[in-house]
Amino acid sequence: MGCAGREMRVNCIMDRDLFYHMEESIMVTKQMSIGEVLRLDKGTAPIFMNYGMHCLGCPHATAESLEQAAMVHGCDVDALVKALNEYLDGKGN
């Protein structure tokens, strides 16, 4: 499905920029949302599950930062970010 309307064109441009950055080295940060990380690689879902974050599709997954989500779920955000980055590095991203 193509882009339609000004808002959709902006989203498509942003998606192309995201794809471009995927060709480079990607680093997950505490400021990213669960949704942003999942868009980078859906294979990260089991990592979130291992850290007690089972509601990957809920509205908070796109609104909260990883740091906020980790605080709510009582997990170590630094360990989560490290695990996500290790996974992505292992895939050659």
N, C-alpha and C. Protein backbone atom coordinates (compact mmCIF):
# COMPACT_ATOMS: atom_id res chain seq x y z
N MET A 1 0.85 -1.17 0.00
CA MET A 1 0.00 0.00 0.00
C MET A 1 0.89 1.23 0.00
N GLY A 2 0.64 2.15 -0.90
CA GLY A 2 1.45 3.36 -1.02
C GLY A 2 1.07 4.41 0.00
N CYS A 3 1.85 5.44 0.01
CA CYS A 3 1.59 6.56 0.92
C CYS A 3 0.52 7.46 0.32
N ALA A 4 -0.37 7.96 1.14
CA ALA A 4 -1.42 8.85 0.66
C ALA A 4 -1.53 10.01 1.62
N GLY A 5 -1.53 11.21 1.09
CA GLY A 5 -1.68 12.39 1.93
C GLY A 5 -0.36 12.81 2.55
N ARG A 6 -0.35 14.05 3.01
CA ARG A 6 0.88 14.63 3.56
C ARG A 6 1.39 13.85 4.76
N GLU A 7 0.50 13.51 5.69
CA GLU A 7 0.91 12.81 6.91
C GLU A 7 1.53 11.46 6.57
N MET A 8 0.92 10.75 5.64
CA MET A 8 1.44 9.45 5.25
C MET A 8 2.81 9.58 4.59
N ARG A 9 3.00 10.62 3.78
CA ARG A 9 4.30 10.82 3.14
C ARG A 9 5.38 11.05 4.19
N VAL A 10 5.06 11.82 5.21
CA VAL A 10 6.03 12.07 6.28
C VAL A 10 6.37 10.76 6.97
N ASN A 11 5.36 9.93 7.25
CA ASN A 11 5.62 8.65 7.89
C ASN A 11 6.48 7.76 7.01
N CYS A 12 6.23 7.76 5.71
CA CYS A 12 7.03 6.94 4.81
C CYS A 12 8.47 7.43 4.75
N ILE A 13 8.66 8.73 4.75
CA ILE A 13 10.02 9.26 4.76
C ILE A 13 10.72 8.85 6.04
N MET A 14 10.02 8.93 7.15
CA MET A 14 10.61 8.53 8.42
C MET A 14 10.95 7.04 8.39
N ASP A 15 10.07 6.21 7.81
CA ASP A 15 10.33 4.79 7.72
C ASP A 15 11.56 4.52 6.86
N ARG A 16 11.70 5.26 5.76
CA ARG A 16 12.88 5.08 4.91
C ARG A 16 14.14 5.47 5.67
N ASP A 17 14.06 6.52 6.47
CA ASP A 17 15.22 6.92 7.27
C ASP A 17 15.55 5.83 8.28
N LEU A 18 14.55 5.24 8.89
CA LEU A 18 14.77 4.17 9.84
C LEU A 18 15.43 2.99 9.13
N PHE A 19 14.94 2.66 7.94
CA PHE A 19 15.53 1.55 7.18
C PHE A 19 16.98 1.86 6.84
N TYR A 20 17.25 3.10 6.46
CA TYR A 20 18.61 3.50 6.13
C TYR A 20 19.52 3.29 7.34
N HIS A 21 19.05 3.67 8.50
CA HIS A 21 19.85 3.50 9.71
C HIS A 21 20.02 2.03 10.07
N MET A 22 19.10 1.17 9.61
CA MET A 22 19.24 -0.24 9.87
C MET A 22 20.45 -0.81 9.13
N GLU A 23 20.82 -0.18 8.01
CA GLU A 23 21.99 -0.63 7.26
C GLU A 23 23.26 -0.32 8.04
N GLU A 24 23.19 0.64 8.92
CA GLU A 24 24.32 1.00 9.75
C GLU A 24 24.20 0.26 11.08
N SER A 25 25.09 0.51 11.98
CA SER A 25 25.04 -0.11 13.29
C SER A 25 23.89 0.50 14.10
N ILE A 26 23.08 -0.36 14.69
CA ILE A 26 21.94 0.09 15.48
C ILE A 26 22.27 -0.14 16.95
N MET A 27 21.93 0.85 17.76
CA MET A 27 22.14 0.70 19.19
C MET A 27 20.85 1.08 19.91
N VAL A 28 20.34 0.16 20.70
CA VAL A 28 19.15 0.41 21.50
C VAL A 28 19.57 1.27 22.69
N THR A 29 18.72 2.25 23.02
CA THR A 29 18.97 3.11 24.17
C THR A 29 17.77 3.06 25.12
N LYS A 30 17.98 3.52 26.34
CA LYS A 30 16.91 3.57 27.35
C LYS A 30 15.76 4.46 26.93
N GLN A 31 16.04 5.42 26.05
CA GLN A 31 15.02 6.39 25.66
C GLN A 31 14.07 5.84 24.60
N MET A 32 14.44 4.75 23.95
CA MET A 32 13.58 4.16 22.92
C MET A 32 12.39 3.47 23.57
N SER A 33 11.31 3.33 22.81
CA SER A 33 10.14 2.60 23.31
C SER A 33 10.25 1.13 22.89
N ILE A 34 9.45 0.30 23.53
CA ILE A 34 9.38 -1.11 23.15
C ILE A 34 8.98 -1.22 21.69
N GLY A 35 8.00 -0.42 21.29
CA GLY A 35 7.53 -0.44 19.91
C GLY A 35 8.64 -0.11 18.91
N GLU A 36 9.48 0.86 19.23
CA GLU A 36 10.59 1.22 18.34
C GLU A 36 11.56 0.04 18.19
N VAL A 37 11.85 -0.61 19.29
CA VAL A 37 12.78 -1.75 19.23
C VAL A 37 12.16 -2.89 18.44
N LEU A 38 10.88 -3.17 18.66
CA LEU A 38 10.21 -4.23 17.92
C LEU A 38 10.16 -3.93 16.42
N ARG A 39 10.02 -2.66 16.06
CA ARG A 39 10.03 -2.29 14.63
C ARG A 39 11.41 -2.53 14.02
N LEU A 40 12.45 -2.37 14.83
CA LEU A 40 13.80 -2.65 14.33
C LEU A 40 13.96 -4.13 14.05
N ASP A 41 13.46 -4.97 14.97
CA ASP A 41 13.60 -6.42 14.83
C ASP A 41 12.59 -7.11 15.74
N LYS A 42 11.63 -7.77 15.14
CA LYS A 42 10.59 -8.46 15.92
C LYS A 42 11.18 -9.61 16.74
N GLY A 43 12.37 -10.06 16.37
CA GLY A 43 13.04 -11.12 17.12
C GLY A 43 13.44 -10.71 18.53
N THR A 44 13.29 -9.42 18.84
CA THR A 44 13.59 -8.96 20.20
C THR A 44 12.47 -9.28 21.19
N ALA A 45 11.32 -9.70 20.68
CA ALA A 45 10.16 -9.97 21.54
C ALA A 45 10.48 -10.94 22.68
N PRO A 46 11.15 -12.08 22.42
CA PRO A 46 11.46 -12.99 23.53
C PRO A 46 12.33 -12.36 24.62
N ILE A 47 13.16 -11.41 24.25
CA ILE A 47 13.99 -10.74 25.25
C ILE A 47 13.11 -9.93 26.19
N PHE A 48 12.15 -9.20 25.61
CA PHE A 48 11.21 -8.44 26.45
C PHE A 48 10.43 -9.40 27.36
N MET A 49 10.00 -10.52 26.81
CA MET A 49 9.24 -11.50 27.59
C MET A 49 10.08 -12.01 28.77
N ASN A 50 11.37 -12.28 28.52
CA ASN A 50 12.26 -12.76 29.58
C ASN A 50 12.41 -11.74 30.71
N TYR A 51 12.18 -10.47 30.39
CA TYR A 51 12.29 -9.42 31.41
C TYR A 51 10.92 -9.06 31.99
N GLY A 52 9.92 -9.89 31.75
CA GLY A 52 8.60 -9.70 32.35
C GLY A 52 7.70 -8.71 31.62
N MET A 53 8.10 -8.33 30.42
CA MET A 53 7.30 -7.38 29.64
C MET A 53 6.50 -8.18 28.60
N HIS A 54 5.31 -8.61 29.02
CA HIS A 54 4.49 -9.49 28.19
C HIS A 54 3.47 -8.75 27.35
N CYS A 55 3.22 -7.49 27.62
CA CYS A 55 2.20 -6.72 26.91
C CYS A 55 2.84 -5.90 25.79
N LEU A 56 3.45 -6.56 24.84
CA LEU A 56 4.20 -5.87 23.80
C LEU A 56 3.32 -5.06 22.86
N GLY A 57 2.05 -5.39 22.79
CA GLY A 57 1.15 -4.67 21.89
C GLY A 57 0.30 -3.61 22.58
N CYS A 58 0.47 -3.42 23.87
CA CYS A 58 -0.37 -2.45 24.58
C CYS A 58 0.05 -1.02 24.23
N PRO A 59 -0.82 -0.05 24.46
CA PRO A 59 -0.49 1.34 24.12
C PRO A 59 0.77 1.86 24.81
N HIS A 60 1.05 1.36 25.99
CA HIS A 60 2.25 1.83 26.71
C HIS A 60 3.53 1.40 25.99
N ALA A 61 3.47 0.33 25.21
CA ALA A 61 4.66 -0.16 24.52
C ALA A 61 5.18 0.86 23.50
N THR A 62 4.32 1.74 23.05
CA THR A 62 4.76 2.76 22.10
C THR A 62 4.92 4.13 22.76
N ALA A 63 4.37 4.29 23.96
CA ALA A 63 4.39 5.61 24.61
C ALA A 63 5.52 5.74 25.63
N GLU A 64 5.83 4.66 26.33
CA GLU A 64 6.84 4.71 27.39
C GLU A 64 8.23 4.39 26.85
N SER A 65 9.23 4.97 27.47
CA SER A 65 10.61 4.60 27.14
C SER A 65 10.92 3.25 27.79
N LEU A 66 11.99 2.61 27.34
CA LEU A 66 12.41 1.37 27.98
C LEU A 66 12.68 1.59 29.46
N GLU A 67 13.24 2.75 29.77
CA GLU A 67 13.54 3.06 31.17
C GLU A 67 12.27 3.10 32.01
N GLN A 68 11.22 3.74 31.48
CA GLN A 68 9.95 3.81 32.21
C GLN A 68 9.33 2.43 32.34
N ALA A 69 9.35 1.66 31.26
CA ALA A 69 8.76 0.32 31.27
C ALA A 69 9.50 -0.58 32.26
N ALA A 70 10.82 -0.48 32.29
CA ALA A 70 11.61 -1.30 33.21
C ALA A 70 11.27 -0.95 34.66
N MET A 71 11.07 0.33 34.93
CA MET A 71 10.74 0.75 36.28
C MET A 71 9.38 0.16 36.69
N VAL A 72 8.41 0.21 35.80
CA VAL A 72 7.08 -0.31 36.08
C VAL A 72 7.12 -1.82 36.30
N HIS A 73 7.95 -2.51 35.51
CA HIS A 73 8.01 -3.97 35.59
C HIS A 73 9.07 -4.48 36.57
N GLY A 74 9.78 -3.55 37.20
CA GLY A 74 10.75 -3.94 38.22
C GLY A 74 11.95 -4.68 37.69
N CYS A 75 12.42 -4.29 36.52
CA CYS A 75 13.62 -4.95 35.98
C CYS A 75 14.73 -3.93 35.74
N ASP A 76 15.92 -4.43 35.55
CA ASP A 76 17.11 -3.62 35.36
C ASP A 76 17.19 -3.15 33.91
N VAL A 77 16.97 -1.87 33.67
CA VAL A 77 16.95 -1.34 32.30
C VAL A 77 18.31 -1.51 31.62
N ASP A 78 19.39 -1.36 32.37
CA ASP A 78 20.72 -1.51 31.76
C ASP A 78 20.94 -2.93 31.26
N ALA A 79 20.50 -3.91 32.04
CA ALA A 79 20.62 -5.31 31.62
C ALA A 79 19.74 -5.58 30.40
N LEU A 80 18.53 -5.01 30.37
CA LEU A 80 17.63 -5.17 29.23
C LEU A 80 18.25 -4.58 27.98
N VAL A 81 18.74 -3.36 28.06
CA VAL A 81 19.35 -2.69 26.90
C VAL A 81 20.57 -3.49 26.42
N LYS A 82 21.36 -3.98 27.36
CA LYS A 82 22.53 -4.78 27.00
C LYS A 82 22.11 -6.04 26.24
N ALA A 83 21.09 -6.73 26.74
CA ALA A 83 20.61 -7.96 26.09
C ALA A 83 20.08 -7.67 24.69
N LEU A 84 19.35 -6.57 24.54
CA LEU A 84 18.82 -6.21 23.22
C LEU A 84 19.95 -5.89 22.25
N ASN A 85 20.93 -5.13 22.71
CA ASN A 85 22.05 -4.77 21.84
C ASN A 85 22.90 -5.99 21.49
N GLU A 86 23.09 -6.90 22.42
CA GLU A 86 23.84 -8.12 22.13
C GLU A 86 23.12 -8.95 21.08
N TYR A 87 21.80 -9.03 21.19
CA TYR A 87 21.01 -9.76 20.20
C TYR A 87 21.19 -9.12 18.81
N LEU A 88 21.02 -7.80 18.74
CA LEU A 88 21.14 -7.10 17.45
C LEU A 88 22.56 -7.20 16.89
N ASP A 89 23.56 -7.09 17.76
CA ASP A 89 24.95 -7.21 17.30
C ASP A 89 25.20 -8.60 16.73
N GLY A 90 24.62 -9.60 17.35
CA GLY A 90 24.78 -10.98 16.89
C GLY A 90 24.17 -11.23 15.53
N LYS A 91 23.21 -10.40 15.15
CA LYS A 91 22.56 -10.52 13.84
C LYS A 91 23.30 -9.70 12.78
N GLY A 92 24.31 -8.97 13.20
CA GLY A 92 25.07 -8.18 12.24
C GLY A 92 24.46 -6.82 11.97
N ASN A 93 23.51 -6.37 12.82
CA ASN A 93 22.90 -5.04 12.63
C ASN A 93 23.79 -3.97 13.15
